[in-house]
Amino acid sequence: MKASAFLAALLVLSSCGSPRGSSGGANSPQGSGTVTASSVRSDSPSPSAAPTVSTWPSLPPVARAPFPGCRLSYIKPASIGFGGPPFSGGFASGPQGSWTADPAGGISQSGDLLVTDQPPALMGSGFGSSDSGSYDLAVRRWLPVRRAQVRSDGLAYAYAEPFKASSSDTLDSATRVHVVLLRDGSNRVIYSGAPRAVLAYESDGIYITAVRYYGGEGGSGLWRLDPATGASTEFPNVQAGSIEAFSGRVAWTDGGTIMPRRLFRMDLTSRSRDTWATVGDNAWIWFVGLDSHGHPLVTEFRSADFGIAGSVRLHNAIIQDRDR
């Protein structure tokens, strides 16, 4: 849940006609990692003789795929650099994929919550840097939560609300987890206690992680809440660290360090942990998000003599021995 991960949250993966993309799990296809996009910057050194001119290196041509014959939902933040609210929901369509704002797509900040401009107003998480919105095809309206927080049928979602546990607290110190049913607009609290963030609303429950308000991004540990009763089940096999995403009973973490060098895939069914991305001492990785098959997209930054080279890679295979 890092600040720069907002791009992944803003790309709403509600493809044409499908309320929610399929998720990869234990049956994800195996193969070698594939580079999907790259960019390199080169800065001039400080020469001792005649000055030299820095140029951008030539990149191989990339084939441009035609835009699909449908509308794709896309949310724009108030500022691309910051990535925060207010958000503007709209649709990309046409041969060039042109984006058009939806008059009903506004999402604003209200305290620690996101609120839709369209009535009836819906509320969602607005405290973390990765909090955003998404389009729900099932009810044909914008929601103030990430797509992962929406139930697969699109008729319910979950969000975390920070609050002050005591009247003497000067800052938020606890969390309420809400479940919203979109058919009737009901909003129920199923958890109230220590700070938590909602990772995903899966078929078997709502997955949450522990967070530290005002103490940095990221979460540690993993629990599943029963959306009907609020009963909590902890997964003790999940090691402490920043859980970046959750899908199909698989959690992804880079350890929560400032410059992480490995990305781990934790299977909650088999209780195994695999390394899916790793770099050397002169590089680091940045988790971007998951594709529609549950494969992680990772930006890899590598230090060069005169600059930094960065590439976005799709990882769909284990690359190191398994830790149990």
C-alpha atoms as a PDB file:
ATOM      1  CA  MET A   1       0.000   0.000   0.000  1.00  0.00           C
ATOM      2  CA  LYS A   2       2.730   2.419  -0.872  1.00  0.00           C
ATOM      3  CA  ALA A   3       2.104   5.864  -2.250  1.00  0.00           C
ATOM      4  CA  SER A   4       3.467   5.100  -5.709  1.00  0.00           C
ATOM      5  CA  ALA A   5       1.286   2.055  -5.995  1.00  0.00           C
ATOM      6  CA  PHE A   6      -1.698   4.300  -6.649  1.00  0.00           C
ATOM      7  CA  LEU A   7      -1.353   3.710 -10.405  1.00  0.00           C
ATOM      8  CA  ALA A   8      -2.309   0.108  -9.942  1.00  0.00           C
ATOM      9  CA  ALA A   9      -5.283   1.102  -7.850  1.00  0.00           C
ATOM     10  CA  LEU A  10      -6.456   3.632 -10.408  1.00  0.00           C
ATOM     11  CA  LEU A  11      -6.452   1.165 -13.267  1.00  0.00           C
ATOM     12  CA  VAL A  12      -9.850  -0.376 -12.666  1.00  0.00           C
ATOM     13  CA  LEU A  13      -9.746  -3.964 -13.840  1.00  0.00           C
ATOM     14  CA  SER A  14     -13.429  -4.241 -14.734  1.00  0.00           C
ATOM     15  CA  SER A  15     -13.017  -5.426 -18.305  1.00  0.00           C
ATOM     16  CA  CYS A  16     -15.790  -5.361 -20.889  1.00  0.00           C
ATOM     17  CA  GLY A  17     -18.721  -7.444 -19.706  1.00  0.00           C
ATOM     18  CA  SER A  18     -16.907  -8.998 -16.736  1.00  0.00           C
ATOM     19  CA  PRO A  19     -17.779  -7.695 -13.262  1.00  0.00           C
ATOM     20  CA  ARG A  20     -14.463  -8.905 -11.892  1.00  0.00           C
ATOM     21  CA  GLY A  21     -11.311 -10.276 -13.477  1.00  0.00           C
ATOM     22  CA  SER A  22     -10.345 -13.874 -12.813  1.00  0.00           C
ATOM     23  CA  SER A  23      -7.728 -14.435 -10.161  1.00  0.00           C
ATOM     24  CA  GLY A  24      -4.772 -16.737 -10.310  1.00  0.00           C
ATOM     25  CA  GLY A  25      -3.994 -19.044  -7.454  1.00  0.00           C
ATOM     26  CA  ALA A  26      -2.349 -22.416  -7.053  1.00  0.00           C
ATOM     27  CA  ASN A  27      -3.172 -23.252 -10.680  1.00  0.00           C
ATOM     28  CA  SER A  28      -1.539 -20.196 -12.208  1.00  0.00           C
ATOM     29  CA  PRO A  29       0.403 -21.134 -15.360  1.00  0.00           C
ATOM     30  CA  GLN A  30       4.140 -21.584 -15.014  1.00  0.00           C
ATOM     31  CA  GLY A  31       6.737 -20.095 -17.316  1.00  0.00           C
ATOM     32  CA  SER A  32       9.568 -17.615 -17.499  1.00  0.00           C
ATOM     33  CA  GLY A  33       9.116 -13.966 -16.537  1.00  0.00           C
ATOM     34  CA  THR A  34       8.320 -11.676 -19.434  1.00  0.00           C
ATOM     35  CA  VAL A  35       9.321  -8.045 -19.873  1.00  0.00           C
ATOM     36  CA  THR A  36       6.212  -6.071 -20.778  1.00  0.00           C
ATOM     37  CA  ALA A  37       7.515  -2.489 -20.859  1.00  0.00           C
ATOM     38  CA  SER A  38      10.725  -0.649 -20.165  1.00  0.00           C
ATOM     39  CA  SER A  39      12.314   2.765 -20.017  1.00  0.00           C
ATOM     40  CA  VAL A  40      15.915   3.825 -19.496  1.00  0.00           C
ATOM     41  CA  ARG A  41      17.359   7.164 -18.533  1.00  0.00           C
ATOM     42  CA  SER A  42      21.001   8.063 -18.952  1.00  0.00           C
ATOM     43  CA  ASP A  43      22.570  11.134 -17.397  1.00  0.00           C
ATOM     44  CA  SER A  44      25.849  12.613 -18.562  1.00  0.00           C
ATOM     45  CA  PRO A  45      28.961  11.988 -16.451  1.00  0.00           C
ATOM     46  CA  SER A  46      31.257  14.826 -15.439  1.00  0.00           C
ATOM     47  CA  PRO A  47      34.069  14.515 -18.008  1.00  0.00           C
ATOM     48  CA  SER A  48      37.583  15.710 -17.387  1.00  0.00           C
ATOM     49  CA  ALA A  49      38.109  16.604 -21.034  1.00  0.00           C
ATOM     50  CA  ALA A  50      35.672  17.891 -23.641  1.00  0.00           C
ATOM     51  CA  PRO A  51      32.007  17.893 -22.605  1.00  0.00           C
ATOM     52  CA  THR A  52      29.726  15.230 -24.028  1.00  0.00           C
ATOM     53  CA  VAL A  53      26.047  15.357 -24.877  1.00  0.00           C
ATOM     54  CA  SER A  54      23.625  12.995 -23.137  1.00  0.00           C
ATOM     55  CA  THR A  55      21.016  11.348 -25.331  1.00  0.00           C
ATOM     56  CA  TRP A  56      18.155   8.966 -24.727  1.00  0.00           C
ATOM     57  CA  PRO A  57      19.033   5.457 -25.928  1.00  0.00           C
ATOM     58  CA  SER A  58      17.109   3.993 -28.833  1.00  0.00           C
ATOM     59  CA  LEU A  59      14.450   1.503 -27.822  1.00  0.00           C
ATOM     60  CA  PRO A  60      13.146  -1.301 -30.021  1.00  0.00           C
ATOM     61  CA  PRO A  61       9.776  -0.560 -31.629  1.00  0.00           C
ATOM     62  CA  VAL A  62       6.741  -1.822 -29.765  1.00  0.00           C
ATOM     63  CA  ALA A  63       3.693  -3.007 -31.653  1.00  0.00           C
ATOM     64  CA  ARG A  64       0.576  -1.033 -30.758  1.00  0.00           C
ATOM     65  CA  ALA A  65      -2.434  -3.208 -30.134  1.00  0.00           C
ATOM     66  CA  PRO A  66      -5.835  -1.914 -31.244  1.00  0.00           C
ATOM     67  CA  PHE A  67      -8.052  -0.646 -28.469  1.00  0.00           C
ATOM     68  CA  PRO A  68     -10.765  -3.185 -27.585  1.00  0.00           C
ATOM     69  CA  GLY A  69     -14.218  -2.545 -28.972  1.00  0.00           C
ATOM     70  CA  CYS A  70     -15.783  -1.609 -25.646  1.00  0.00           C
ATOM     71  CA  ARG A  71     -15.572   0.942 -22.834  1.00  0.00           C
ATOM     72  CA  LEU A  72     -12.981   0.550 -20.082  1.00  0.00           C
ATOM     73  CA  SER A  73     -13.479   2.321 -16.783  1.00  0.00           C
ATOM     74  CA  TYR A  74     -10.587   4.496 -15.608  1.00  0.00           C
ATOM     75  CA  ILE A  75     -10.275   6.842 -12.633  1.00  0.00           C
ATOM     76  CA  LYS A  76      -8.161   9.986 -12.727  1.00  0.00           C
ATOM     77  CA  PRO A  77      -6.789  11.517  -9.507  1.00  0.00           C
ATOM     78  CA  ALA A  78      -6.658  15.230  -8.873  1.00  0.00           C
ATOM     79  CA  SER A  79      -2.901  15.108  -9.473  1.00  0.00           C
ATOM     80  CA  ILE A  80      -0.978  12.377 -11.267  1.00  0.00           C
ATOM     81  CA  GLY A  81       2.071  13.044  -9.119  1.00  0.00           C
ATOM     82  CA  PHE A  82       0.217  12.768  -5.816  1.00  0.00           C
ATOM     83  CA  GLY A  83      -2.556  10.409  -6.859  1.00  0.00           C
ATOM     84  CA  GLY A  84      -5.038  11.610  -4.263  1.00  0.00           C
ATOM     85  CA  PRO A  85      -8.678  12.700  -4.320  1.00  0.00           C
ATOM     86  CA  PRO A  86     -10.868  14.111  -5.630  1.00  0.00           C
ATOM     87  CA  PHE A  87     -11.142  11.378  -8.245  1.00  0.00           C
ATOM     88  CA  SER A  88     -12.912  11.595 -11.598  1.00  0.00           C
ATOM     89  CA  GLY A  89     -14.348   8.390 -13.008  1.00  0.00           C
ATOM     90  CA  GLY A  90     -14.722   8.025 -16.742  1.00  0.00           C
ATOM     91  CA  PHE A  91     -14.452   5.641 -19.663  1.00  0.00           C
ATOM     92  CA  ALA A  92     -11.848   5.038 -22.351  1.00  0.00           C
ATOM     93  CA  SER A  93     -13.202   3.972 -25.723  1.00  0.00           C
ATOM     94  CA  GLY A  94     -12.859   4.420 -29.462  1.00  0.00           C
ATOM     95  CA  PRO A  95      -9.950   3.549 -31.770  1.00  0.00           C
ATOM     96  CA  GLN A  96      -7.515   5.745 -29.829  1.00  0.00           C
ATOM     97  CA  GLY A  97      -8.800   4.838 -26.374  1.00  0.00           C
ATOM     98  CA  SER A  98      -9.919   8.396 -25.635  1.00  0.00           C
ATOM     99  CA  TRP A  99     -11.047   9.044 -22.056  1.00  0.00           C
ATOM    100  CA  THR A 100     -14.333  10.815 -21.323  1.00  0.00           C
ATOM    101  CA  ALA A 101     -15.377  11.855 -17.812  1.00  0.00           C
ATOM    102  CA  ASP A 102     -18.592  10.402 -16.413  1.00  0.00           C
ATOM    103  CA  PRO A 103     -20.772  13.129 -14.816  1.00  0.00           C
ATOM    104  CA  ALA A 104     -21.657  10.571 -12.119  1.00  0.00           C
ATOM    105  CA  GLY A 105     -18.034   9.533 -11.550  1.00  0.00           C
ATOM    106  CA  GLY A 106     -16.896  12.061  -8.944  1.00  0.00           C
ATOM    107  CA  ILE A 107     -15.427  10.804  -5.649  1.00  0.00           C
ATOM    108  CA  SER A 108     -14.416  13.306  -2.957  1.00  0.00           C
ATOM    109  CA  GLN A 109     -12.576  13.223   0.357  1.00  0.00           C
ATOM    110  CA  SER A 110     -14.503  13.739   3.600  1.00  0.00           C
ATOM    111  CA  GLY A 111     -12.286  13.419   6.642  1.00  0.00           C
ATOM    112  CA  ASP A 112     -10.728   9.949   6.530  1.00  0.00           C
ATOM    113  CA  LEU A 113     -13.315   8.625   4.071  1.00  0.00           C
ATOM    114  CA  LEU A 114     -13.989   8.758   0.343  1.00  0.00           C
ATOM    115  CA  VAL A 115     -17.564   9.695  -0.625  1.00  0.00           C
ATOM    116  CA  THR A 116     -19.270   9.447  -3.995  1.00  0.00           C
ATOM    117  CA  ASP A 117     -20.743  12.634  -5.439  1.00  0.00           C
ATOM    118  CA  GLN A 118     -23.612  10.666  -6.966  1.00  0.00           C
ATOM    119  CA  PRO A 119     -26.551  10.111  -4.595  1.00  0.00           C
ATOM    120  CA  PRO A 120     -27.205   8.103  -2.637  1.00  0.00           C
ATOM    121  CA  ALA A 121     -23.738   8.837  -1.292  1.00  0.00           C
ATOM    122  CA  LEU A 122     -21.556   5.796  -0.669  1.00  0.00           C
ATOM    123  CA  MET A 123     -18.568   5.843   1.693  1.00  0.00           C
ATOM    124  CA  GLY A 124     -15.253   4.034   1.498  1.00  0.00           C
ATOM    125  CA  SER A 125     -11.723   3.987   2.866  1.00  0.00           C
ATOM    126  CA  GLY A 126      -9.854   7.263   2.419  1.00  0.00           C
ATOM    127  CA  PHE A 127      -6.947   7.110   4.864  1.00  0.00           C
ATOM    128  CA  GLY A 128      -4.269   5.135   2.978  1.00  0.00           C
ATOM    129  CA  SER A 129      -2.326   6.352  -0.035  1.00  0.00           C
ATOM    130  CA  SER A 130      -3.597   3.432  -2.144  1.00  0.00           C
ATOM    131  CA  ASP A 131      -7.275   4.101  -1.426  1.00  0.00           C
ATOM    132  CA  SER A 132      -9.165   4.873  -4.607  1.00  0.00           C
ATOM    133  CA  GLY A 133     -12.373   4.021  -6.417  1.00  0.00           C
ATOM    134  CA  SER A 134     -13.677   1.609  -9.038  1.00  0.00           C
ATOM    135  CA  TYR A 135     -16.578   1.061 -11.388  1.00  0.00           C
ATOM    136  CA  ASP A 136     -19.121  -1.618 -10.534  1.00  0.00           C
ATOM    137  CA  LEU A 137     -20.710  -3.054 -13.660  1.00  0.00           C
ATOM    138  CA  ALA A 138     -23.298  -5.023 -11.666  1.00  0.00           C
ATOM    139  CA  VAL A 139     -24.967  -1.870 -10.338  1.00  0.00           C
ATOM    140  CA  ARG A 140     -23.593   0.480 -13.006  1.00  0.00           C
ATOM    141  CA  ARG A 141     -22.130   3.064 -10.679  1.00  0.00           C
ATOM    142  CA  TRP A 142     -18.819   4.192  -9.210  1.00  0.00           C
ATOM    143  CA  LEU A 143     -17.759   2.958  -5.783  1.00  0.00           C
ATOM    144  CA  PRO A 144     -15.366   4.666  -3.320  1.00  0.00           C
ATOM    145  CA  VAL A 145     -13.208   1.548  -2.872  1.00  0.00           C
ATOM    146  CA  ARG A 146     -10.659  -0.426  -4.863  1.00  0.00           C
ATOM    147  CA  ARG A 147     -11.963  -3.276  -7.016  1.00  0.00           C
ATOM    148  CA  ALA A 148     -10.402  -5.855  -4.680  1.00  0.00           C
ATOM    149  CA  GLN A 149     -12.703  -4.649  -1.891  1.00  0.00           C
ATOM    150  CA  VAL A 150     -15.815  -5.469  -3.936  1.00  0.00           C
ATOM    151  CA  ARG A 151     -17.476  -8.890  -3.741  1.00  0.00           C
ATOM    152  CA  SER A 152     -17.196 -10.907  -6.946  1.00  0.00           C
ATOM    153  CA  ASP A 153     -20.883 -10.443  -7.839  1.00  0.00           C
ATOM    154  CA  GLY A 154     -20.535  -6.672  -7.479  1.00  0.00           C
ATOM    155  CA  LEU A 155     -23.394  -6.403  -4.980  1.00  0.00           C
ATOM    156  CA  ALA A 156     -21.407  -5.712  -1.797  1.00  0.00           C
ATOM    157  CA  TYR A 157     -18.139  -4.148  -0.690  1.00  0.00           C
ATOM    158  CA  ALA A 158     -16.102  -3.667   2.488  1.00  0.00           C
ATOM    159  CA  TYR A 159     -14.086  -0.744   3.791  1.00  0.00           C
ATOM    160  CA  ALA A 160     -12.167   0.349   6.880  1.00  0.00           C
ATOM    161  CA  GLU A 161     -13.044   3.509   8.807  1.00  0.00           C
ATOM    162  CA  PRO A 162     -10.448   5.006  11.183  1.00  0.00           C
ATOM    163  CA  PHE A 163     -11.791   6.525  14.400  1.00  0.00           C
ATOM    164  CA  LYS A 164     -10.719   7.646  17.872  1.00  0.00           C
ATOM    165  CA  ALA A 165     -11.181   4.807  20.342  1.00  0.00           C
ATOM    166  CA  SER A 166     -11.277   7.248  23.264  1.00  0.00           C
ATOM    167  CA  SER A 167     -12.506  10.800  23.585  1.00  0.00           C
ATOM    168  CA  SER A 168      -9.066  11.689  24.930  1.00  0.00           C
ATOM    169  CA  ASP A 169      -7.293  10.479  21.770  1.00  0.00           C
ATOM    170  CA  THR A 170      -6.020  13.278  19.566  1.00  0.00           C
ATOM    171  CA  LEU A 171      -5.518  11.014  16.541  1.00  0.00           C
ATOM    172  CA  ASP A 172      -7.314   8.022  15.073  1.00  0.00           C
ATOM    173  CA  SER A 173      -6.432   4.911  17.055  1.00  0.00           C
ATOM    174  CA  ALA A 174      -8.904   2.200  15.986  1.00  0.00           C
ATOM    175  CA  THR A 175     -10.841   0.873  13.016  1.00  0.00           C
ATOM    176  CA  ARG A 176     -14.366  -0.099  12.097  1.00  0.00           C
ATOM    177  CA  VAL A 177     -14.790  -2.483   9.164  1.00  0.00           C
ATOM    178  CA  HIS A 178     -18.032  -1.905   7.277  1.00  0.00           C
ATOM    179  CA  VAL A 179     -19.939  -4.105   4.829  1.00  0.00           C
ATOM    180  CA  VAL A 180     -22.201  -2.257   2.373  1.00  0.00           C
ATOM    181  CA  LEU A 181     -24.972  -4.088   0.483  1.00  0.00           C
ATOM    182  CA  LEU A 182     -25.662  -2.244  -2.751  1.00  0.00           C
ATOM    183  CA  ARG A 183     -29.138  -3.638  -3.362  1.00  0.00           C
ATOM    184  CA  ASP A 184     -30.621  -1.837  -0.365  1.00  0.00           C
ATOM    185  CA  GLY A 185     -27.761   0.501   0.636  1.00  0.00           C
ATOM    186  CA  SER A 186     -27.418  -1.005   4.113  1.00  0.00           C
ATOM    187  CA  ASN A 187     -24.157  -0.402   5.963  1.00  0.00           C
ATOM    188  CA  ARG A 188     -23.139  -2.720   8.827  1.00  0.00           C
ATOM    189  CA  VAL A 189     -20.091  -2.686  11.114  1.00  0.00           C
ATOM    190  CA  ILE A 190     -18.632  -6.202  11.472  1.00  0.00           C
ATOM    191  CA  TYR A 191     -15.378  -5.303  13.242  1.00  0.00           C
ATOM    192  CA  SER A 192     -14.314  -2.638  15.715  1.00  0.00           C
ATOM    193  CA  GLY A 193     -10.874  -2.697  17.284  1.00  0.00           C
ATOM    194  CA  ALA A 194      -7.183  -2.247  16.550  1.00  0.00           C
ATOM    195  CA  PRO A 195      -6.244  -0.513  13.271  1.00  0.00           C
ATOM    196  CA  ARG A 196      -6.906  -2.672  10.204  1.00  0.00           C
ATOM    197  CA  ALA A 197      -7.077  -2.222   6.435  1.00  0.00           C
ATOM    198  CA  VAL A 198      -9.267  -4.192   4.028  1.00  0.00           C
ATOM    199  CA  LEU A 199      -7.243  -6.100   1.449  1.00  0.00           C
ATOM    200  CA  ALA A 200      -9.924  -8.012  -0.423  1.00  0.00           C
ATOM    201  CA  TYR A 201     -13.507  -9.243  -0.365  1.00  0.00           C
ATOM    202  CA  GLU A 202     -13.211 -12.871  -1.459  1.00  0.00           C
ATOM    203  CA  SER A 203     -15.809 -15.620  -1.768  1.00  0.00           C
ATOM    204  CA  ASP A 204     -14.865 -17.036   1.652  1.00  0.00           C
ATOM    205  CA  GLY A 205     -14.720 -13.755   3.532  1.00  0.00           C
ATOM    206  CA  ILE A 206     -13.147 -10.334   3.924  1.00  0.00           C
ATOM    207  CA  TYR A 207      -9.359 -10.297   4.304  1.00  0.00           C
ATOM    208  CA  ILE A 208      -7.800  -7.617   6.482  1.00  0.00           C
ATOM    209  CA  THR A 209      -4.298  -6.753   7.659  1.00  0.00           C
ATOM    210  CA  ALA A 210      -2.943  -4.835  10.661  1.00  0.00           C
ATOM    211  CA  VAL A 211      -1.750  -1.286   9.967  1.00  0.00           C
ATOM    212  CA  ARG A 212      -0.126   1.516  11.941  1.00  0.00           C
ATOM    213  CA  TYR A 213      -1.813   4.871  11.615  1.00  0.00           C
ATOM    214  CA  TYR A 214       0.682   7.721  11.199  1.00  0.00           C
ATOM    215  CA  GLY A 215       3.506   5.172  11.213  1.00  0.00           C
ATOM    216  CA  GLY A 216       4.099   4.458   7.537  1.00  0.00           C
ATOM    217  CA  GLU A 217       2.299   2.478   4.868  1.00  0.00           C
ATOM    218  CA  GLY A 218       1.914  -1.274   4.639  1.00  0.00           C
ATOM    219  CA  GLY A 219       0.362  -3.947   6.792  1.00  0.00           C
ATOM    220  CA  SER A 220       1.348  -7.068   8.701  1.00  0.00           C
ATOM    221  CA  GLY A 221      -0.452 -10.292   9.487  1.00  0.00           C
ATOM    222  CA  LEU A 222      -3.623 -11.564   7.864  1.00  0.00           C
ATOM    223  CA  TRP A 223      -7.148 -12.223   9.142  1.00  0.00           C
ATOM    224  CA  ARG A 224     -10.388 -13.289   7.481  1.00  0.00           C
ATOM    225  CA  LEU A 225     -13.693 -11.808   8.661  1.00  0.00           C
ATOM    226  CA  ASP A 226     -17.042 -13.496   8.181  1.00  0.00           C
ATOM    227  CA  PRO A 227     -19.131 -10.819   6.413  1.00  0.00           C
ATOM    228  CA  ALA A 228     -22.304 -11.983   8.176  1.00  0.00           C
ATOM    229  CA  THR A 229     -21.110 -12.473  11.758  1.00  0.00           C
ATOM    230  CA  GLY A 230     -17.780 -10.641  11.904  1.00  0.00           C
ATOM    231  CA  ALA A 231     -16.064 -13.782  13.247  1.00  0.00           C
ATOM    232  CA  SER A 232     -12.293 -13.496  12.760  1.00  0.00           C
ATOM    233  CA  THR A 233      -9.852 -16.201  11.618  1.00  0.00           C
ATOM    234  CA  GLU A 234      -6.130 -15.482  11.815  1.00  0.00           C
ATOM    235  CA  PHE A 235      -3.587 -16.984   9.420  1.00  0.00           C
ATOM    236  CA  PRO A 236      -0.550 -17.538  11.658  1.00  0.00           C
ATOM    237  CA  ASN A 237       1.578 -18.840   8.781  1.00  0.00           C
ATOM    238  CA  VAL A 238       1.678 -15.376   7.202  1.00  0.00           C
ATOM    239  CA  GLN A 239       4.905 -13.739   8.314  1.00  0.00           C
ATOM    240  CA  ALA A 240       4.974 -10.096   9.323  1.00  0.00           C
ATOM    241  CA  GLY A 241       5.604  -7.756   6.438  1.00  0.00           C
ATOM    242  CA  SER A 242       3.871  -5.426   4.050  1.00  0.00           C
ATOM    243  CA  ILE A 243       1.085  -7.330   2.279  1.00  0.00           C
ATOM    244  CA  GLU A 244       0.751  -5.597  -1.054  1.00  0.00           C
ATOM    245  CA  ALA A 245      -2.176  -7.547  -2.521  1.00  0.00           C
ATOM    246  CA  PHE A 246      -4.405 -10.524  -1.974  1.00  0.00           C
ATOM    247  CA  SER A 247      -6.215 -12.641  -4.542  1.00  0.00           C
ATOM    248  CA  GLY A 248      -7.453 -16.217  -4.699  1.00  0.00           C
ATOM    249  CA  ARG A 249      -6.110 -17.189  -1.233  1.00  0.00           C
ATOM    250  CA  VAL A 250      -2.695 -15.914  -2.275  1.00  0.00           C
ATOM    251  CA  ALA A 251      -0.988 -12.987  -0.519  1.00  0.00           C
ATOM    252  CA  TRP A 252       1.880 -10.962  -1.987  1.00  0.00           C
ATOM    253  CA  THR A 253       4.486  -9.138   0.090  1.00  0.00           C
ATOM    254  CA  ASP A 254       7.821  -7.400  -0.472  1.00  0.00           C
ATOM    255  CA  GLY A 255       8.650  -7.333   3.236  1.00  0.00           C
ATOM    256  CA  GLY A 256       7.704  -3.697   3.747  1.00  0.00           C
ATOM    257  CA  THR A 257      11.243  -2.352   3.391  1.00  0.00           C
ATOM    258  CA  ILE A 258      12.049   1.017   1.827  1.00  0.00           C
ATOM    259  CA  MET A 259      13.956  -0.496  -1.109  1.00  0.00           C
ATOM    260  CA  PRO A 260      12.724  -4.125  -1.301  1.00  0.00           C
ATOM    261  CA  ARG A 261      14.714  -6.657  -3.317  1.00  0.00           C
ATOM    262  CA  ARG A 262      12.335  -9.617  -3.256  1.00  0.00           C
ATOM    263  CA  LEU A 263       8.640 -10.298  -3.827  1.00  0.00           C
ATOM    264  CA  PHE A 264       7.083 -13.284  -2.067  1.00  0.00           C
ATOM    265  CA  ARG A 265       3.975 -15.262  -2.973  1.00  0.00           C
ATOM    266  CA  MET A 266       2.288 -16.825   0.059  1.00  0.00           C
ATOM    267  CA  ASP A 267      -0.213 -19.609  -0.613  1.00  0.00           C
ATOM    268  CA  LEU A 268      -2.667 -19.775   2.285  1.00  0.00           C
ATOM    269  CA  THR A 269      -3.923 -23.225   1.298  1.00  0.00           C
ATOM    270  CA  SER A 270      -0.594 -25.060   1.124  1.00  0.00           C
ATOM    271  CA  ARG A 271       1.092 -22.727   3.651  1.00  0.00           C
ATOM    272  CA  SER A 272       4.055 -22.267   1.340  1.00  0.00           C
ATOM    273  CA  ARG A 273       6.042 -19.150   0.530  1.00  0.00           C
ATOM    274  CA  ASP A 274       7.773 -18.719  -2.822  1.00  0.00           C
ATOM    275  CA  THR A 275      10.079 -16.021  -4.159  1.00  0.00           C
ATOM    276  CA  TRP A 276       8.747 -14.712  -7.455  1.00  0.00           C
ATOM    277  CA  ALA A 277      10.994 -11.705  -7.999  1.00  0.00           C
ATOM    278  CA  THR A 278      14.487 -10.917  -6.787  1.00  0.00           C
ATOM    279  CA  VAL A 279      17.226  -8.433  -7.680  1.00  0.00           C
ATOM    280  CA  GLY A 280      20.807  -7.826  -6.591  1.00  0.00           C
ATOM    281  CA  ASP A 281      22.294  -5.359  -4.143  1.00  0.00           C
ATOM    282  CA  ASN A 282      22.399  -2.537  -6.707  1.00  0.00           C
ATOM    283  CA  ALA A 283      18.702  -2.740  -7.548  1.00  0.00           C
ATOM    284  CA  TRP A 284      15.280  -2.778  -5.971  1.00  0.00           C
ATOM    285  CA  ILE A 285      11.729  -3.674  -6.908  1.00  0.00           C
ATOM    286  CA  TRP A 286       8.385  -1.923  -6.638  1.00  0.00           C
ATOM    287  CA  PHE A 287       5.112  -3.851  -6.602  1.00  0.00           C
ATOM    288  CA  VAL A 288       2.660  -2.426  -9.159  1.00  0.00           C
ATOM    289  CA  GLY A 289      -0.322  -4.773  -8.942  1.00  0.00           C
ATOM    290  CA  LEU A 290      -1.832  -7.993 -10.291  1.00  0.00           C
ATOM    291  CA  ASP A 291      -3.048  -8.697 -13.795  1.00  0.00           C
ATOM    292  CA  SER A 292      -6.413 -10.367 -14.481  1.00  0.00           C
ATOM    293  CA  HIS A 293      -4.822 -13.810 -13.969  1.00  0.00           C
ATOM    294  CA  GLY A 294      -3.329 -12.976 -10.587  1.00  0.00           C
ATOM    295  CA  HIS A 295       0.242 -12.573 -11.863  1.00  0.00           C
ATOM    296  CA  PRO A 296       2.272  -9.775 -10.236  1.00  0.00           C
ATOM    297  CA  LEU A 297       3.511  -6.752 -12.144  1.00  0.00           C
ATOM    298  CA  VAL A 298       6.777  -5.471 -10.669  1.00  0.00           C
ATOM    299  CA  THR A 299       8.903  -2.455 -11.541  1.00  0.00           C
ATOM    300  CA  GLU A 300      12.597  -3.288 -11.300  1.00  0.00           C
ATOM    301  CA  PHE A 301      15.038  -0.417 -10.844  1.00  0.00           C
ATOM    302  CA  ARG A 302      18.740  -1.012 -11.474  1.00  0.00           C
ATOM    303  CA  SER A 303      21.546   1.428 -10.768  1.00  0.00           C
ATOM    304  CA  ALA A 304      23.802   2.155 -13.729  1.00  0.00           C
ATOM    305  CA  ASP A 305      27.045   4.072 -14.028  1.00  0.00           C
ATOM    306  CA  PHE A 306      25.325   7.278 -15.097  1.00  0.00           C
ATOM    307  CA  GLY A 307      21.679   6.816 -14.179  1.00  0.00           C
ATOM    308  CA  ILE A 308      18.913   4.374 -13.312  1.00  0.00           C
ATOM    309  CA  ALA A 309      17.231   1.885 -15.608  1.00  0.00           C
ATOM    310  CA  GLY A 310      13.673   0.830 -14.861  1.00  0.00           C
ATOM    311  CA  SER A 311      11.483  -1.868 -16.375  1.00  0.00           C
ATOM    312  CA  VAL A 312       8.014  -3.229 -15.661  1.00  0.00           C
ATOM    313  CA  ARG A 313       7.980  -7.020 -15.652  1.00  0.00           C
ATOM    314  CA  LEU A 314       5.241  -9.616 -15.490  1.00  0.00           C
ATOM    315  CA  HIS A 315       6.281 -12.523 -13.267  1.00  0.00           C
ATOM    316  CA  ASN A 316       4.445 -15.792 -13.784  1.00  0.00           C
ATOM    317  CA  ALA A 317       6.914 -18.337 -12.399  1.00  0.00           C
ATOM    318  CA  ILE A 318       8.755 -19.205  -9.194  1.00  0.00           C
ATOM    319  CA  ILE A 319      12.411 -18.262  -9.523  1.00  0.00           C
ATOM    320  CA  GLN A 320      13.917 -19.582  -6.295  1.00  0.00           C
ATOM    321  CA  ASP A 321      13.647 -22.524  -3.934  1.00  0.00           C
ATOM    322  CA  ARG A 322      10.529 -22.672  -1.792  1.00  0.00           C
ATOM    323  CA  ASP A 323      10.558 -21.653   1.879  1.00  0.00           C
ATOM    324  CA  ARG A 324       8.182 -23.473   4.231  1.00  0.00           C
END
